[in-house]
Amino acid sequence: DIATNFVERLMTYALGRGLEPEDSCAVKQIVADAAESDYQLSSLVTGVVLSKPFRTGAVAPADHEGSDLP
């Protein structure tokens, strides 16, 4: 599904990390909500911004191995 693929890629970019299995519920809800507006781009983007993973900033810890960062 094009809308699902778009939301997954947008969330990956917005979160700054790959999607985790627990993010799939948010993706499904965003796509379902966007269906009501015939999958308008604005509804997909709004859904990502209002999603729990985006709002909570749940980002996986970065791997600093091989860098000067603590």
PDB file of N, CA and C in Angstrom:
ATOM      1  N   ASP A   1       0.847  -1.178   0.000  1.00  0.00           N
ATOM      2  CA  ASP A   1       0.000   0.000   0.000  1.00  0.00           C
ATOM      3  C   ASP A   1       0.897   1.247   0.000  1.00  0.00           C
ATOM      4  N   ILE A   2       0.619   2.160  -0.878  1.00  0.00           N
ATOM      5  CA  ILE A   2       1.435   3.361  -1.045  1.00  0.00           C
ATOM      6  C   ILE A   2       1.408   4.224   0.213  1.00  0.00           C
ATOM      7  N   ALA A   3       0.241   4.394   0.809  1.00  0.00           N
ATOM      8  CA  ALA A   3       0.131   5.236   2.003  1.00  0.00           C
ATOM      9  C   ALA A   3       0.947   4.657   3.157  1.00  0.00           C
ATOM     10  N   THR A   4       0.900   3.362   3.342  1.00  0.00           N
ATOM     11  CA  THR A   4       1.661   2.720   4.415  1.00  0.00           C
ATOM     12  C   THR A   4       3.155   2.903   4.191  1.00  0.00           C
ATOM     13  N   ASN A   5       3.607   2.680   2.962  1.00  0.00           N
ATOM     14  CA  ASN A   5       5.016   2.845   2.640  1.00  0.00           C
ATOM     15  C   ASN A   5       5.457   4.284   2.894  1.00  0.00           C
ATOM     16  N   PHE A   6       4.643   5.240   2.472  1.00  0.00           N
ATOM     17  CA  PHE A   6       4.966   6.649   2.681  1.00  0.00           C
ATOM     18  C   PHE A   6       5.085   6.973   4.167  1.00  0.00           C
ATOM     19  N   VAL A   7       4.116   6.517   4.955  1.00  0.00           N
ATOM     20  CA  VAL A   7       4.120   6.797   6.397  1.00  0.00           C
ATOM     21  C   VAL A   7       5.332   6.150   7.059  1.00  0.00           C
ATOM     22  N   GLU A   8       5.664   4.931   6.685  1.00  0.00           N
ATOM     23  CA  GLU A   8       6.830   4.265   7.270  1.00  0.00           C
ATOM     24  C   GLU A   8       8.110   5.050   6.978  1.00  0.00           C
ATOM     25  N   ARG A   9       8.264   5.503   5.752  1.00  0.00           N
ATOM     26  CA  ARG A   9       9.468   6.252   5.378  1.00  0.00           C
ATOM     27  C   ARG A   9       9.500   7.632   6.043  1.00  0.00           C
ATOM     28  N   LEU A  10       8.348   8.280   6.119  1.00  0.00           N
ATOM     29  CA  LEU A  10       8.281   9.590   6.768  1.00  0.00           C
ATOM     30  C   LEU A  10       8.568   9.460   8.260  1.00  0.00           C
ATOM     31  N   MET A  11       8.035   8.441   8.895  1.00  0.00           N
ATOM     32  CA  MET A  11       8.294   8.234  10.326  1.00  0.00           C
ATOM     33  C   MET A  11       9.764   7.916  10.570  1.00  0.00           C
ATOM     34  N   THR A  12      10.358   7.116   9.699  1.00  0.00           N
ATOM     35  CA  THR A  12      11.780   6.806   9.835  1.00  0.00           C
ATOM     36  C   THR A  12      12.599   8.091   9.812  1.00  0.00           C
ATOM     37  N   TYR A  13      12.277   8.967   8.877  1.00  0.00           N
ATOM     38  CA  TYR A  13      12.981  10.248   8.781  1.00  0.00           C
ATOM     39  C   TYR A  13      12.687  11.129   9.998  1.00  0.00           C
ATOM     40  N   ALA A  14      11.427  11.226  10.373  1.00  0.00           N
ATOM     41  CA  ALA A  14      11.021  12.107  11.470  1.00  0.00           C
ATOM     42  C   ALA A  14      11.592  11.650  12.812  1.00  0.00           C
ATOM     43  N   LEU A  15      11.675  10.350  13.008  1.00  0.00           N
ATOM     44  CA  LEU A  15      12.178   9.828  14.272  1.00  0.00           C
ATOM     45  C   LEU A  15      13.700   9.777  14.311  1.00  0.00           C
ATOM     46  N   GLY A  16      14.328   9.782  13.156  1.00  0.00           N
ATOM     47  CA  GLY A  16      15.780   9.690  13.111  1.00  0.00           C
ATOM     48  C   GLY A  16      16.296   8.311  13.439  1.00  0.00           C
ATOM     49  N   ARG A  17      15.475   7.315  13.202  1.00  0.00           N
ATOM     50  CA  ARG A  17      15.852   5.918  13.477  1.00  0.00           C
ATOM     51  C   ARG A  17      14.974   5.001  12.648  1.00  0.00           C
ATOM     52  N   GLY A  18      15.334   3.758  12.587  1.00  0.00           N
ATOM     53  CA  GLY A  18      14.494   2.775  11.923  1.00  0.00           C
ATOM     54  C   GLY A  18      13.253   2.488  12.751  1.00  0.00           C
ATOM     55  N   LEU A  19      12.232   1.979  12.105  1.00  0.00           N
ATOM     56  CA  LEU A  19      11.004   1.655  12.827  1.00  0.00           C
ATOM     57  C   LEU A  19      11.167   0.359  13.608  1.00  0.00           C
ATOM     58  N   GLU A  20      10.581   0.346  14.765  1.00  0.00           N
ATOM     59  CA  GLU A  20      10.569  -0.825  15.627  1.00  0.00           C
ATOM     60  C   GLU A  20       9.210  -1.511  15.485  1.00  0.00           C
ATOM     61  N   PRO A  21       9.102  -2.773  15.872  1.00  0.00           N
ATOM     62  CA  PRO A  21       7.805  -3.462  15.779  1.00  0.00           C
ATOM     63  C   PRO A  21       6.674  -2.735  16.499  1.00  0.00           C
ATOM     64  N   GLU A  22       6.971  -2.078  17.610  1.00  0.00           N
ATOM     65  CA  GLU A  22       5.925  -1.371  18.359  1.00  0.00           C
ATOM     66  C   GLU A  22       5.433  -0.114  17.631  1.00  0.00           C
ATOM     67  N   ASP A  23       6.169   0.339  16.620  1.00  0.00           N
ATOM     68  CA  ASP A  23       5.735   1.489  15.827  1.00  0.00           C
ATOM     69  C   ASP A  23       4.656   1.118  14.808  1.00  0.00           C
ATOM     70  N   SER A  24       4.483  -0.170  14.552  1.00  0.00           N
ATOM     71  CA  SER A  24       3.529  -0.606  13.523  1.00  0.00           C
ATOM     72  C   SER A  24       2.095  -0.222  13.865  1.00  0.00           C
ATOM     73  N   CYS A  25       1.750  -0.192  15.143  1.00  0.00           N
ATOM     74  CA  CYS A  25       0.395   0.216  15.542  1.00  0.00           C
ATOM     75  C   CYS A  25       0.142   1.673  15.151  1.00  0.00           C
ATOM     76  N   ALA A  26       1.136   2.514  15.367  1.00  0.00           N
ATOM     77  CA  ALA A  26       0.998   3.929  15.014  1.00  0.00           C
ATOM     78  C   ALA A  26       0.862   4.094  13.510  1.00  0.00           C
ATOM     79  N   VAL A  27       1.650   3.350  12.750  1.00  0.00           N
ATOM     80  CA  VAL A  27       1.589   3.426  11.288  1.00  0.00           C
ATOM     81  C   VAL A  27       0.197   3.020  10.804  1.00  0.00           C
ATOM     82  N   LYS A  28      -0.311   1.916  11.314  1.00  0.00           N
ATOM     83  CA  LYS A  28      -1.644   1.444  10.909  1.00  0.00           C
ATOM     84  C   LYS A  28      -2.723   2.466  11.249  1.00  0.00           C
ATOM     85  N   GLN A  29      -2.616   3.087  12.420  1.00  0.00           N
ATOM     86  CA  GLN A  29      -3.616   4.078  12.832  1.00  0.00           C
ATOM     87  C   GLN A  29      -3.548   5.324  11.959  1.00  0.00           C
ATOM     88  N   ILE A  30      -2.350   5.767  11.628  1.00  0.00           N
ATOM     89  CA  ILE A  30      -2.187   6.941  10.772  1.00  0.00           C
ATOM     90  C   ILE A  30      -2.816   6.690   9.410  1.00  0.00           C
ATOM     91  N   VAL A  31      -2.552   5.538   8.836  1.00  0.00           N
ATOM     92  CA  VAL A  31      -3.097   5.201   7.516  1.00  0.00           C
ATOM     93  C   VAL A  31      -4.621   5.084   7.586  1.00  0.00           C
ATOM     94  N   ALA A  32      -5.134   4.451   8.627  1.00  0.00           N
ATOM     95  CA  ALA A  32      -6.583   4.316   8.778  1.00  0.00           C
ATOM     96  C   ALA A  32      -7.258   5.679   8.919  1.00  0.00           C
ATOM     97  N   ASP A  33      -6.663   6.565   9.704  1.00  0.00           N
ATOM     98  CA  ASP A  33      -7.222   7.912   9.876  1.00  0.00           C
ATOM     99  C   ASP A  33      -7.160   8.701   8.569  1.00  0.00           C
ATOM    100  N   ALA A  34      -6.082   8.537   7.820  1.00  0.00           N
ATOM    101  CA  ALA A  34      -5.916   9.261   6.560  1.00  0.00           C
ATOM    102  C   ALA A  34      -6.893   8.779   5.489  1.00  0.00           C
ATOM    103  N   ALA A  35      -7.366   7.558   5.615  1.00  0.00           N
ATOM    104  CA  ALA A  35      -8.332   7.026   4.644  1.00  0.00           C
ATOM    105  C   ALA A  35      -9.602   7.862   4.630  1.00  0.00           C
ATOM    106  N   GLU A  36      -9.957   8.431   5.777  1.00  0.00           N
ATOM    107  CA  GLU A  36     -11.163   9.259   5.875  1.00  0.00           C
ATOM    108  C   GLU A  36     -11.067  10.520   5.020  1.00  0.00           C
ATOM    109  N   SER A  37      -9.844  10.981   4.760  1.00  0.00           N
ATOM    110  CA  SER A  37      -9.654  12.183   3.934  1.00  0.00           C
ATOM    111  C   SER A  37      -9.070  11.821   2.569  1.00  0.00           C
ATOM    112  N   ASP A  38      -9.300  10.581   2.150  1.00  0.00           N
ATOM    113  CA  ASP A  38      -8.818  10.089   0.855  1.00  0.00           C
ATOM    114  C   ASP A  38      -7.303  10.191   0.752  1.00  0.00           C
ATOM    115  N   TYR A  39      -6.624   9.924   1.855  1.00  0.00           N
ATOM    116  CA  TYR A  39      -5.159   9.869   1.927  1.00  0.00           C
ATOM    117  C   TYR A  39      -4.481  11.167   1.485  1.00  0.00           C
ATOM    118  N   GLN A  40      -5.044  12.291   1.871  1.00  0.00           N
ATOM    119  CA  GLN A  40      -4.407  13.567   1.557  1.00  0.00           C
ATOM    120  C   GLN A  40      -3.044  13.639   2.245  1.00  0.00           C
ATOM    121  N   LEU A  41      -2.094  14.217   1.560  1.00  0.00           N
ATOM    122  CA  LEU A  41      -0.741  14.330   2.095  1.00  0.00           C
ATOM    123  C   LEU A  41      -0.744  15.001   3.461  1.00  0.00           C
ATOM    124  N   SER A  42      -1.532  16.047   3.610  1.00  0.00           N
ATOM    125  CA  SER A  42      -1.567  16.763   4.886  1.00  0.00           C
ATOM    126  C   SER A  42      -2.049  15.870   6.023  1.00  0.00           C
ATOM    127  N   SER A  43      -2.972  14.966   5.756  1.00  0.00           N
ATOM    128  CA  SER A  43      -3.465  14.089   6.816  1.00  0.00           C
ATOM    129  C   SER A  43      -2.409  13.051   7.196  1.00  0.00           C
ATOM    130  N   LEU A  44      -1.618  12.606   6.231  1.00  0.00           N
ATOM    131  CA  LEU A  44      -0.547  11.651   6.528  1.00  0.00           C
ATOM    132  C   LEU A  44       0.546  12.319   7.369  1.00  0.00           C
ATOM    133  N   VAL A  45       0.951  13.515   6.991  1.00  0.00           N
ATOM    134  CA  VAL A  45       1.991  14.233   7.728  1.00  0.00           C
ATOM    135  C   VAL A  45       1.500  14.589   9.127  1.00  0.00           C
ATOM    136  N   THR A  46       0.268  15.076   9.222  1.00  0.00           N
ATOM    137  CA  THR A  46      -0.299  15.409  10.526  1.00  0.00           C
ATOM    138  C   THR A  46      -0.352  14.170  11.424  1.00  0.00           C
ATOM    139  N   GLY A  47      -0.730  13.043  10.849  1.00  0.00           N
ATOM    140  CA  GLY A  47      -0.774  11.804  11.616  1.00  0.00           C
ATOM    141  C   GLY A  47       0.580  11.424  12.184  1.00  0.00           C
ATOM    142  N   VAL A  48       1.626  11.595  11.410  1.00  0.00           N
ATOM    143  CA  VAL A  48       2.971  11.293  11.891  1.00  0.00           C
ATOM    144  C   VAL A  48       3.355  12.243  13.026  1.00  0.00           C
ATOM    145  N   VAL A  49       3.096  13.523  12.838  1.00  0.00           N
ATOM    146  CA  VAL A  49       3.469  14.516  13.846  1.00  0.00           C
ATOM    147  C   VAL A  49       2.703  14.306  15.149  1.00  0.00           C
ATOM    148  N   LEU A  50       1.469  13.860  15.054  1.00  0.00           N
ATOM    149  CA  LEU A  50       0.663  13.649  16.257  1.00  0.00           C
ATOM    150  C   LEU A  50       0.820  12.251  16.850  1.00  0.00           C
ATOM    151  N   SER A  51       1.593  11.398  16.211  1.00  0.00           N
ATOM    152  CA  SER A  51       1.749  10.020  16.683  1.00  0.00           C
ATOM    153  C   SER A  51       2.543   9.971  17.991  1.00  0.00           C
ATOM    154  N   LYS A  52       2.281   8.946  18.762  1.00  0.00           N
ATOM    155  CA  LYS A  52       2.963   8.779  20.043  1.00  0.00           C
ATOM    156  C   LYS A  52       4.477   8.645  19.875  1.00  0.00           C
ATOM    157  N   PRO A  53       4.963   7.839  18.923  1.00  0.00           N
ATOM    158  CA  PRO A  53       6.426   7.750  18.783  1.00  0.00           C
ATOM    159  C   PRO A  53       7.073   9.104  18.497  1.00  0.00           C
ATOM    160  N   PHE A  54       6.432   9.941  17.695  1.00  0.00           N
ATOM    161  CA  PHE A  54       7.001  11.252  17.375  1.00  0.00           C
ATOM    162  C   PHE A  54       6.912  12.195  18.571  1.00  0.00           C
ATOM    163  N   ARG A  55       5.770  12.213  19.233  1.00  0.00           N
ATOM    164  CA  ARG A  55       5.570  13.133  20.360  1.00  0.00           C
ATOM    165  C   ARG A  55       6.425  12.790  21.565  1.00  0.00           C
ATOM    166  N   THR A  56       6.659  11.509  21.801  1.00  0.00           N
ATOM    167  CA  THR A  56       7.433  11.118  22.979  1.00  0.00           C
ATOM    168  C   THR A  56       8.925  11.157  22.719  1.00  0.00           C
ATOM    169  N   GLY A  57       9.310  11.280  21.455  1.00  0.00           N
ATOM    170  CA  GLY A  57      10.730  11.342  21.134  1.00  0.00           C
ATOM    171  C   GLY A  57      11.459  10.057  21.451  1.00  0.00           C
ATOM    172  N   ALA A  58      10.755   8.953  21.344  1.00  0.00           N
ATOM    173  CA  ALA A  58      11.347   7.659  21.644  1.00  0.00           C
ATOM    174  C   ALA A  58      12.361   7.296  20.566  1.00  0.00           C
ATOM    175  N   VAL A  59      13.609   7.670  20.815  1.00  0.00           N
ATOM    176  CA  VAL A  59      14.681   7.407  19.867  1.00  0.00           C
ATOM    177  C   VAL A  59      15.620   6.388  20.479  1.00  0.00           C
ATOM    178  N   ALA A  60      15.978   5.387  19.690  1.00  0.00           N
ATOM    179  CA  ALA A  60      16.915   4.378  20.167  1.00  0.00           C
ATOM    180  C   ALA A  60      18.268   5.032  20.426  1.00  0.00           C
ATOM    181  N   PRO A  61      18.988   4.570  21.456  1.00  0.00           N
ATOM    182  CA  PRO A  61      20.291   5.158  21.745  1.00  0.00           C
ATOM    183  C   PRO A  61      21.249   4.982  20.564  1.00  0.00           C
ATOM    184  N   ALA A  62      22.029   6.017  20.305  1.00  0.00           N
ATOM    185  CA  ALA A  62      22.989   5.975  19.200  1.00  0.00           C
ATOM    186  C   ALA A  62      24.217   5.180  19.616  1.00  0.00           C
ATOM    187  N   ASP A  63      24.821   4.546  18.660  1.00  0.00           N
ATOM    188  CA  ASP A  63      26.051   3.812  18.895  1.00  0.00           C
ATOM    189  C   ASP A  63      27.218   4.749  18.635  1.00  0.00           C
ATOM    190  N   HIS A  64      27.951   5.098  19.695  1.00  0.00           N
ATOM    191  CA  HIS A  64      29.048   6.049  19.565  1.00  0.00           C
ATOM    192  C   HIS A  64      30.402   5.345  19.427  1.00  0.00           C
ATOM    193  N   GLU A  65      30.386   4.071  19.174  1.00  0.00           N
ATOM    194  CA  GLU A  65      31.634   3.329  19.043  1.00  0.00           C
ATOM    195  C   GLU A  65      32.462   3.887  17.893  1.00  0.00           C
ATOM    196  N   GLY A  66      33.717   4.128  18.147  1.00  0.00           N
ATOM    197  CA  GLY A  66      34.604   4.631  17.117  1.00  0.00           C
ATOM    198  C   GLY A  66      34.548   6.133  16.952  1.00  0.00           C
ATOM    199  N   SER A  67      33.905   6.829  17.882  1.00  0.00           N
ATOM    200  CA  SER A  67      33.858   8.298  17.788  1.00  0.00           C
ATOM    201  C   SER A  67      34.390   8.888  19.080  1.00  0.00           C
ATOM    202  N   ASP A  68      34.554  10.193  19.091  1.00  0.00           N
ATOM    203  CA  ASP A  68      35.055  10.880  20.275  1.00  0.00           C
ATOM    204  C   ASP A  68      33.928  11.281  21.214  1.00  0.00           C
ATOM    205  N   LEU A  69      32.693  10.947  20.853  1.00  0.00           N
ATOM    206  CA  LEU A  69      31.550  11.320  21.697  1.00  0.00           C
ATOM    207  C   LEU A  69      31.463  10.395  22.891  1.00  0.00           C
ATOM    208  N   PRO A  70      31.019  10.908  24.036  1.00  0.00           N
ATOM    209  CA  PRO A  70      30.878  10.065  25.248  1.00  0.00           C
ATOM    210  C   PRO A  70      29.774   9.056  25.094  1.00  0.00           C
TER     211      PRO A  70
END
